[in-house]
C-alpha atoms as a PDB file:
ATOM      1  CA  UNK A   1      35.622  41.469 -48.277  1.00  0.00           C
ATOM      2  CA  UNK A   2      36.821  37.663 -48.412  1.00  0.00           C
ATOM      3  CA  UNK A   3      35.125  34.386 -47.766  1.00  0.00           C
ATOM      4  CA  UNK A   4      36.278  30.997 -47.125  1.00  0.00           C
ATOM      5  CA  UNK A   5      35.549  27.556 -45.541  1.00  0.00           C
ATOM      6  CA  UNK A   6      36.454  27.701 -41.628  1.00  0.00           C
ATOM      7  CA  UNK A   7      36.161  25.140 -39.005  1.00  0.00           C
ATOM      8  CA  UNK A   8      35.018  26.039 -35.408  1.00  0.00           C
ATOM      9  CA  UNK A   9      34.566  24.028 -32.235  1.00  0.00           C
ATOM     10  CA  UNK A  10      31.459  22.343 -31.242  1.00  0.00           C
ATOM     11  CA  UNK A  11      31.190  20.529 -27.882  1.00  0.00           C
ATOM     12  CA  UNK A  12      34.248  18.869 -27.895  1.00  0.00           C
ATOM     13  CA  UNK A  13      34.247  18.138 -31.655  1.00  0.00           C
ATOM     14  CA  UNK A  14      34.012  20.541 -34.731  1.00  0.00           C
ATOM     15  CA  UNK A  15      31.645  21.950 -37.501  1.00  0.00           C
ATOM     16  CA  UNK A  16      32.541  23.855 -40.946  1.00  0.00           C
ATOM     17  CA  UNK A  17      30.796  26.532 -42.307  1.00  0.00           C
ATOM     18  CA  UNK A  18      31.424  29.423 -44.817  1.00  0.00           C
ATOM     19  CA  UNK A  19      32.563  32.812 -43.336  1.00  0.00           C
ATOM     20  CA  UNK A  20      32.588  36.129 -45.193  1.00  0.00           C
ATOM     21  CA  UNK A  21      34.178  39.171 -43.339  1.00  0.00           C
ATOM     22  CA  UNK A  22      33.858  42.751 -44.508  1.00  0.00           C
ATOM     23  CA  UNK A  23      36.874  45.210 -44.886  1.00  0.00           C
ATOM     24  CA  UNK A  24      37.147  46.384 -41.143  1.00  0.00           C
ATOM     25  CA  UNK A  25      34.682  43.922 -39.800  1.00  0.00           C
ATOM     26  CA  UNK A  26      31.062  44.272 -38.704  1.00  0.00           C
ATOM     27  CA  UNK A  27      28.314  42.996 -36.765  1.00  0.00           C
ATOM     28  CA  UNK A  28      27.756  39.279 -36.761  1.00  0.00           C
ATOM     29  CA  UNK A  29      24.927  37.364 -38.939  1.00  0.00           C
ATOM     30  CA  UNK A  30      24.316  33.671 -38.826  1.00  0.00           C
ATOM     31  CA  UNK A  31      22.941  32.505 -42.355  1.00  0.00           C
ATOM     32  CA  UNK A  32      20.854  29.368 -42.497  1.00  0.00           C
ATOM     33  CA  UNK A  33      20.714  27.032 -45.251  1.00  0.00           C
ATOM     34  CA  UNK A  34      17.637  25.738 -47.199  1.00  0.00           C
ATOM     35  CA  UNK A  35      17.404  22.134 -47.632  1.00  0.00           C
ATOM     36  CA  UNK A  36      19.788  21.884 -50.509  1.00  0.00           C
ATOM     37  CA  UNK A  37      22.623  22.225 -48.153  1.00  0.00           C
ATOM     38  CA  UNK A  38      25.626  24.642 -47.766  1.00  0.00           C
ATOM     39  CA  UNK A  39      25.206  25.509 -51.911  1.00  0.00           C
ATOM     40  CA  UNK A  40      26.984  28.268 -53.574  1.00  0.00           C
ATOM     41  CA  UNK A  41      23.480  30.611 -53.218  1.00  0.00           C
ATOM     42  CA  UNK A  42      23.709  30.203 -49.559  1.00  0.00           C
ATOM     43  CA  UNK A  43      27.454  31.329 -49.692  1.00  0.00           C
ATOM     44  CA  UNK A  44      26.344  34.328 -51.979  1.00  0.00           C
ATOM     45  CA  UNK A  45      24.172  35.482 -49.343  1.00  0.00           C
ATOM     46  CA  UNK A  46      26.958  35.444 -46.936  1.00  0.00           C
ATOM     47  CA  UNK A  47      29.097  37.779 -49.471  1.00  0.00           C
ATOM     48  CA  UNK A  48      26.197  39.959 -50.059  1.00  0.00           C
ATOM     49  CA  UNK A  49      25.760  40.654 -46.289  1.00  0.00           C
ATOM     50  CA  UNK A  50      29.876  41.081 -45.854  1.00  0.00           C
ATOM     51  CA  UNK A  51      29.488  43.621 -48.802  1.00  0.00           C
ATOM     52  CA  UNK A  52      26.987  45.738 -46.478  1.00  0.00           C
ATOM     53  CA  UNK A  53      29.263  45.418 -43.725  1.00  0.00           C
ATOM     54  CA  UNK A  54      28.201  42.449 -41.767  1.00  0.00           C
ATOM     55  CA  UNK A  55      30.708  39.551 -40.683  1.00  0.00           C
ATOM     56  CA  UNK A  56      28.641  36.331 -42.031  1.00  0.00           C
ATOM     57  CA  UNK A  57      28.691  32.908 -41.244  1.00  0.00           C
ATOM     58  CA  UNK A  58      26.643  29.889 -42.484  1.00  0.00           C
ATOM     59  CA  UNK A  59      27.164  26.912 -40.679  1.00  0.00           C
ATOM     60  CA  UNK A  60      27.067  23.690 -43.076  1.00  0.00           C
ATOM     61  CA  UNK A  61      24.561  21.773 -40.951  1.00  0.00           C
ATOM     62  CA  UNK A  62      24.862  18.548 -43.477  1.00  0.00           C
ATOM     63  CA  UNK A  63      28.402  18.057 -42.730  1.00  0.00           C
ATOM     64  CA  UNK A  64      29.631  18.316 -46.376  1.00  0.00           C
ATOM     65  CA  UNK A  65      26.394  16.904 -48.315  1.00  0.00           C
ATOM     66  CA  UNK A  66      24.225  18.704 -50.506  1.00  0.00           C
ATOM     67  CA  UNK A  67      21.871  18.053 -53.023  1.00  0.00           C
ATOM     68  CA  UNK A  68      21.198  19.471 -56.756  1.00  0.00           C
ATOM     69  CA  UNK A  69      18.123  21.287 -57.446  1.00  0.00           C
ATOM     70  CA  UNK A  70      17.233  18.343 -59.656  1.00  0.00           C
ATOM     71  CA  UNK A  71      17.209  15.912 -56.490  1.00  0.00           C
ATOM     72  CA  UNK A  72      14.482  17.195 -54.334  1.00  0.00           C
ATOM     73  CA  UNK A  73      14.293  13.555 -52.957  1.00  0.00           C
ATOM     74  CA  UNK A  74      17.904  13.675 -51.495  1.00  0.00           C
ATOM     75  CA  UNK A  75      16.988  17.265 -50.336  1.00  0.00           C
ATOM     76  CA  UNK A  76      13.952  16.061 -48.683  1.00  0.00           C
ATOM     77  CA  UNK A  77      15.973  12.961 -47.092  1.00  0.00           C
ATOM     78  CA  UNK A  78      18.940  15.277 -45.933  1.00  0.00           C
ATOM     79  CA  UNK A  79      16.617  17.723 -44.198  1.00  0.00           C
ATOM     80  CA  UNK A  80      14.213  14.964 -42.494  1.00  0.00           C
ATOM     81  CA  UNK A  81      17.799  13.280 -41.176  1.00  0.00           C
ATOM     82  CA  UNK A  82      19.320  16.434 -39.494  1.00  0.00           C
ATOM     83  CA  UNK A  83      18.847  15.584 -36.077  1.00  0.00           C
ATOM     84  CA  UNK A  84      17.343  18.510 -34.445  1.00  0.00           C
ATOM     85  CA  UNK A  85      20.064  18.760 -31.300  1.00  0.00           C
ATOM     86  CA  UNK A  86      22.950  18.256 -33.473  1.00  0.00           C
ATOM     87  CA  UNK A  87      21.402  21.372 -35.998  1.00  0.00           C
ATOM     88  CA  UNK A  88      20.808  23.309 -32.344  1.00  0.00           C
ATOM     89  CA  UNK A  89      24.412  22.308 -31.156  1.00  0.00           C
ATOM     90  CA  UNK A  90      25.897  23.647 -34.445  1.00  0.00           C
ATOM     91  CA  UNK A  91      23.995  26.836 -34.652  1.00  0.00           C
ATOM     92  CA  UNK A  92      25.050  27.764 -31.455  1.00  0.00           C
ATOM     93  CA  UNK A  93      28.529  26.818 -31.835  1.00  0.00           C
ATOM     94  CA  UNK A  94      28.495  29.099 -34.948  1.00  0.00           C
ATOM     95  CA  UNK A  95      26.938  31.859 -32.967  1.00  0.00           C
ATOM     96  CA  UNK A  96      30.105  31.341 -30.280  1.00  0.00           C
ATOM     97  CA  UNK A  97      32.492  31.420 -33.219  1.00  0.00           C
ATOM     98  CA  UNK A  98      30.934  34.537 -34.660  1.00  0.00           C
ATOM     99  CA  UNK A  99      30.733  36.478 -31.508  1.00  0.00           C
ATOM    100  CA  UNK A 100      34.314  35.390 -30.747  1.00  0.00           C
ATOM    101  CA  UNK A 101      36.101  36.765 -33.837  1.00  0.00           C
ATOM    102  CA  UNK A 102      37.844  40.150 -33.790  1.00  0.00           C
ATOM    103  CA  UNK A 103      35.672  40.700 -36.899  1.00  0.00           C
ATOM    104  CA  UNK A 104      32.663  40.791 -35.367  1.00  0.00           C
ATOM    105  CA  UNK A 105      31.468  43.806 -33.065  1.00  0.00           C
ATOM    106  CA  UNK A 106      28.915  43.647 -30.619  1.00  0.00           C
ATOM    107  CA  UNK A 107      27.509  40.869 -28.207  1.00  0.00           C
ATOM    108  CA  UNK A 108      24.586  39.730 -30.192  1.00  0.00           C
ATOM    109  CA  UNK A 109      23.931  38.540 -33.750  1.00  0.00           C
ATOM    110  CA  UNK A 110      21.385  38.572 -36.550  1.00  0.00           C
ATOM    111  CA  UNK A 111      20.007  35.426 -38.077  1.00  0.00           C
ATOM    112  CA  UNK A 112      18.646  35.120 -41.706  1.00  0.00           C
ATOM    113  CA  UNK A 113      17.410  31.884 -42.996  1.00  0.00           C
ATOM    114  CA  UNK A 114      15.621  30.690 -46.216  1.00  0.00           C
ATOM    115  CA  UNK A 115      13.136  27.307 -46.310  1.00  0.00           C
ATOM    116  CA  UNK A 116      14.398  25.069 -43.842  1.00  0.00           C
ATOM    117  CA  UNK A 117      16.616  27.622 -42.246  1.00  0.00           C
ATOM    118  CA  UNK A 118      13.883  29.931 -42.057  1.00  0.00           C
ATOM    119  CA  UNK A 119      12.076  27.563 -39.750  1.00  0.00           C
ATOM    120  CA  UNK A 120      15.514  27.094 -37.813  1.00  0.00           C
ATOM    121  CA  UNK A 121      15.817  31.077 -37.644  1.00  0.00           C
ATOM    122  CA  UNK A 122      13.167  31.097 -35.502  1.00  0.00           C
ATOM    123  CA  UNK A 123      14.185  28.217 -33.195  1.00  0.00           C
ATOM    124  CA  UNK A 124      17.503  28.963 -32.496  1.00  0.00           C
ATOM    125  CA  UNK A 125      16.463  32.549 -31.737  1.00  0.00           C
ATOM    126  CA  UNK A 126      14.036  31.279 -29.014  1.00  0.00           C
ATOM    127  CA  UNK A 127      16.782  29.048 -27.996  1.00  0.00           C
ATOM    128  CA  UNK A 128      19.406  31.473 -27.815  1.00  0.00           C
ATOM    129  CA  UNK A 129      17.567  34.619 -26.200  1.00  0.00           C
ATOM    130  CA  UNK A 130      19.391  37.998 -26.135  1.00  0.00           C
ATOM    131  CA  UNK A 131      22.437  36.509 -27.938  1.00  0.00           C
ATOM    132  CA  UNK A 132      20.063  36.849 -31.211  1.00  0.00           C
ATOM    133  CA  UNK A 133      18.997  40.238 -31.641  1.00  0.00           C
ATOM    134  CA  UNK A 134      17.001  40.162 -34.948  1.00  0.00           C
ATOM    135  CA  UNK A 135      15.778  37.311 -36.898  1.00  0.00           C
ATOM    136  CA  UNK A 136      14.776  37.173 -40.527  1.00  0.00           C
ATOM    137  CA  UNK A 137      12.870  33.900 -41.502  1.00  0.00           C
ATOM    138  CA  UNK A 138      12.210  33.627 -45.379  1.00  0.00           C
ATOM    139  CA  UNK A 139       9.388  31.128 -46.412  1.00  0.00           C
ATOM    140  CA  UNK A 140      10.105  28.742 -43.190  1.00  0.00           C
ATOM    141  CA  UNK A 141       8.571  28.599 -39.875  1.00  0.00           C
ATOM    142  CA  UNK A 142       8.091  26.010 -37.128  1.00  0.00           C
ATOM    143  CA  UNK A 143       4.459  25.247 -37.431  1.00  0.00           C
ATOM    144  CA  UNK A 144       2.215  22.661 -35.406  1.00  0.00           C
ATOM    145  CA  UNK A 145       4.396  20.256 -33.241  1.00  0.00           C
ATOM    146  CA  UNK A 146       7.761  21.800 -34.362  1.00  0.00           C
ATOM    147  CA  UNK A 147       6.995  24.685 -32.397  1.00  0.00           C
ATOM    148  CA  UNK A 148       9.891  25.718 -29.582  1.00  0.00           C
ATOM    149  CA  UNK A 149       9.537  26.800 -26.143  1.00  0.00           C
ATOM    150  CA  UNK A 150       9.112  30.756 -27.265  1.00  0.00           C
ATOM    151  CA  UNK A 151       9.838  32.092 -23.469  1.00  0.00           C
ATOM    152  CA  UNK A 152      13.345  32.841 -24.530  1.00  0.00           C
ATOM    153  CA  UNK A 153      12.861  34.890 -28.036  1.00  0.00           C
ATOM    154  CA  UNK A 154      13.492  38.415 -27.386  1.00  0.00           C
ATOM    155  CA  UNK A 155      14.916  39.300 -30.954  1.00  0.00           C
ATOM    156  CA  UNK A 156      12.691  41.400 -33.150  1.00  0.00           C
ATOM    157  CA  UNK A 157      11.681  39.078 -35.894  1.00  0.00           C
ATOM    158  CA  UNK A 158      10.416  40.462 -39.357  1.00  0.00           C
ATOM    159  CA  UNK A 159       9.737  37.270 -41.886  1.00  0.00           C
ATOM    160  CA  UNK A 160       9.030  36.883 -45.488  1.00  0.00           C
ATOM    161  CA  UNK A 161       6.612  34.487 -46.840  1.00  0.00           C
ATOM    162  CA  UNK A 162       4.932  33.510 -50.228  1.00  0.00           C
ATOM    163  CA  UNK A 163       1.394  33.609 -50.625  1.00  0.00           C
ATOM    164  CA  UNK A 164       1.332  30.366 -52.415  1.00  0.00           C
ATOM    165  CA  UNK A 165       3.166  28.033 -50.404  1.00  0.00           C
ATOM    166  CA  UNK A 166       2.177  24.671 -49.568  1.00  0.00           C
ATOM    167  CA  UNK A 167       5.089  24.102 -47.122  1.00  0.00           C
ATOM    168  CA  UNK A 168       4.442  26.779 -45.196  1.00  0.00           C
ATOM    169  CA  UNK A 169       0.771  28.159 -45.845  1.00  0.00           C
ATOM    170  CA  UNK A 170       0.347  31.784 -45.399  1.00  0.00           C
ATOM    171  CA  UNK A 171      -2.693  31.370 -43.067  1.00  0.00           C
ATOM    172  CA  UNK A 172      -0.749  29.001 -40.758  1.00  0.00           C
ATOM    173  CA  UNK A 173       2.380  31.570 -40.953  1.00  0.00           C
ATOM    174  CA  UNK A 174      -0.121  34.520 -39.683  1.00  0.00           C
ATOM    175  CA  UNK A 175      -1.660  32.562 -37.019  1.00  0.00           C
ATOM    176  CA  UNK A 176       1.967  31.746 -35.583  1.00  0.00           C
ATOM    177  CA  UNK A 177       2.270  35.505 -35.997  1.00  0.00           C
ATOM    178  CA  UNK A 178      -0.611  36.368 -33.823  1.00  0.00           C
ATOM    179  CA  UNK A 179       0.093  34.004 -31.345  1.00  0.00           C
ATOM    180  CA  UNK A 180       3.682  35.397 -30.846  1.00  0.00           C
ATOM    181  CA  UNK A 181       2.490  38.904 -30.653  1.00  0.00           C
ATOM    182  CA  UNK A 182      -0.393  37.745 -28.115  1.00  0.00           C
ATOM    183  CA  UNK A 183       2.743  36.543 -26.152  1.00  0.00           C
ATOM    184  CA  UNK A 184       4.355  40.040 -26.184  1.00  0.00           C
ATOM    185  CA  UNK A 185       6.908  39.239 -28.840  1.00  0.00           C
ATOM    186  CA  UNK A 186       8.098  41.626 -31.703  1.00  0.00           C
ATOM    187  CA  UNK A 187       6.948  39.745 -34.673  1.00  0.00           C
ATOM    188  CA  UNK A 188       5.799  40.635 -38.082  1.00  0.00           C
ATOM    189  CA  UNK A 189       5.345  38.803 -40.840  1.00  0.00           C
ATOM    190  CA  UNK A 190       5.174  40.026 -44.269  1.00  0.00           C
ATOM    191  CA  UNK A 191       3.226  37.726 -46.929  1.00  0.00           C
ATOM    192  CA  UNK A 192       4.304  38.565 -50.681  1.00  0.00           C
ATOM    193  CA  UNK A 193       1.407  38.525 -53.214  1.00  0.00           C
ATOM    194  CA  UNK A 194       1.560  36.411 -56.157  1.00  0.00           C
ATOM    195  CA  UNK A 195       4.964  34.423 -55.233  1.00  0.00           C
ATOM    196  CA  UNK A 196       5.889  31.030 -54.373  1.00  0.00           C
ATOM    197  CA  UNK A 197       7.991  29.246 -52.297  1.00  0.00           C
ATOM    198  CA  UNK A 198      11.952  30.194 -52.559  1.00  0.00           C
ATOM    199  CA  UNK A 199      11.048  33.408 -54.301  1.00  0.00           C
ATOM    200  CA  UNK A 200      14.069  35.107 -52.989  1.00  0.00           C
ATOM    201  CA  UNK A 201      16.724  32.272 -54.571  1.00  0.00           C
ATOM    202  CA  UNK A 202      18.096  33.789 -57.518  1.00  0.00           C
ATOM    203  CA  UNK A 203      19.508  30.050 -58.984  1.00  0.00           C
ATOM    204  CA  UNK A 204      15.678  29.563 -59.405  1.00  0.00           C
ATOM    205  CA  UNK A 205      15.441  25.945 -58.234  1.00  0.00           C
ATOM    206  CA  UNK A 206      11.493  25.774 -58.002  1.00  0.00           C
ATOM    207  CA  UNK A 207      10.744  28.563 -60.853  1.00  0.00           C
ATOM    208  CA  UNK A 208       9.250  30.829 -58.416  1.00  0.00           C
ATOM    209  CA  UNK A 209      12.311  33.605 -58.287  1.00  0.00           C
ATOM    210  CA  UNK A 210      10.162  36.821 -58.050  1.00  0.00           C
ATOM    211  CA  UNK A 211      13.083  39.801 -58.244  1.00  0.00           C
ATOM    212  CA  UNK A 212      10.692  42.593 -57.055  1.00  0.00           C
ATOM    213  CA  UNK A 213       9.587  40.522 -53.664  1.00  0.00           C
ATOM    214  CA  UNK A 214      13.173  39.154 -53.131  1.00  0.00           C
ATOM    215  CA  UNK A 215      14.593  42.983 -53.566  1.00  0.00           C
ATOM    216  CA  UNK A 216      12.024  44.149 -50.999  1.00  0.00           C
ATOM    217  CA  UNK A 217      12.657  41.651 -48.424  1.00  0.00           C
ATOM    218  CA  UNK A 218      16.221  41.492 -48.736  1.00  0.00           C
ATOM    219  CA  UNK A 219      15.880  45.515 -48.281  1.00  0.00           C
ATOM    220  CA  UNK A 220      13.485  45.146 -45.069  1.00  0.00           C
ATOM    221  CA  UNK A 221      16.028  42.520 -43.683  1.00  0.00           C
ATOM    222  CA  UNK A 222      19.074  44.965 -44.135  1.00  0.00           C
ATOM    223  CA  UNK A 223      16.893  47.475 -42.461  1.00  0.00           C
ATOM    224  CA  UNK A 224      16.131  45.088 -39.483  1.00  0.00           C
ATOM    225  CA  UNK A 225      19.785  44.057 -38.700  1.00  0.00           C
ATOM    226  CA  UNK A 226      20.998  47.632 -39.083  1.00  0.00           C
ATOM    227  CA  UNK A 227      18.478  48.705 -36.544  1.00  0.00           C
ATOM    228  CA  UNK A 228      19.273  46.005 -33.904  1.00  0.00           C
ATOM    229  CA  UNK A 229      22.897  45.516 -34.316  1.00  0.00           C
END
């Protein structure tokens, strides 16, 4: 397995990302960053996925900028200043790149995202239709006015959310799950008792890392993408 920064074309320009490739290649998985940016922990998720036999790509949605864990205001500014159309363009371009790699098998990808990336996981799954076969959002979802057109969502969705989370309250998340199931979508959201936002981030930026919940969510995620890719 090897991981490195790569560039890929996007609508006449280019974007960058971190690509981790297993020996012999494997199904493609798009990894979407938290509001901190493309930090070592997100690259580590790609490395973990490559260790499990997946070709994993995390696009750098902030174009090289990132925030330290002590810079929550900067992280918030980076997230709110990210143009939704540019994020969608870069994510679509990353999927194009993944599917075009010799190291990627199959004609669809899985998507795994965290916090802001969890929300983007569901947005890109709805936008890309059959090109996304599995979606695993972690403690992030488009709630309220941020909802996309869900008609294109064909992926199996299995999400992982915190029981105590002011950013993405579990009641609102569960209401979204009910709404999507009412549309005939294959959606299951797990809420992990006693956990807080970002419980799966082993760098523990918010002091909420929960090893047992993180392991359970990760194992469910691997099972999901293996079943669909």
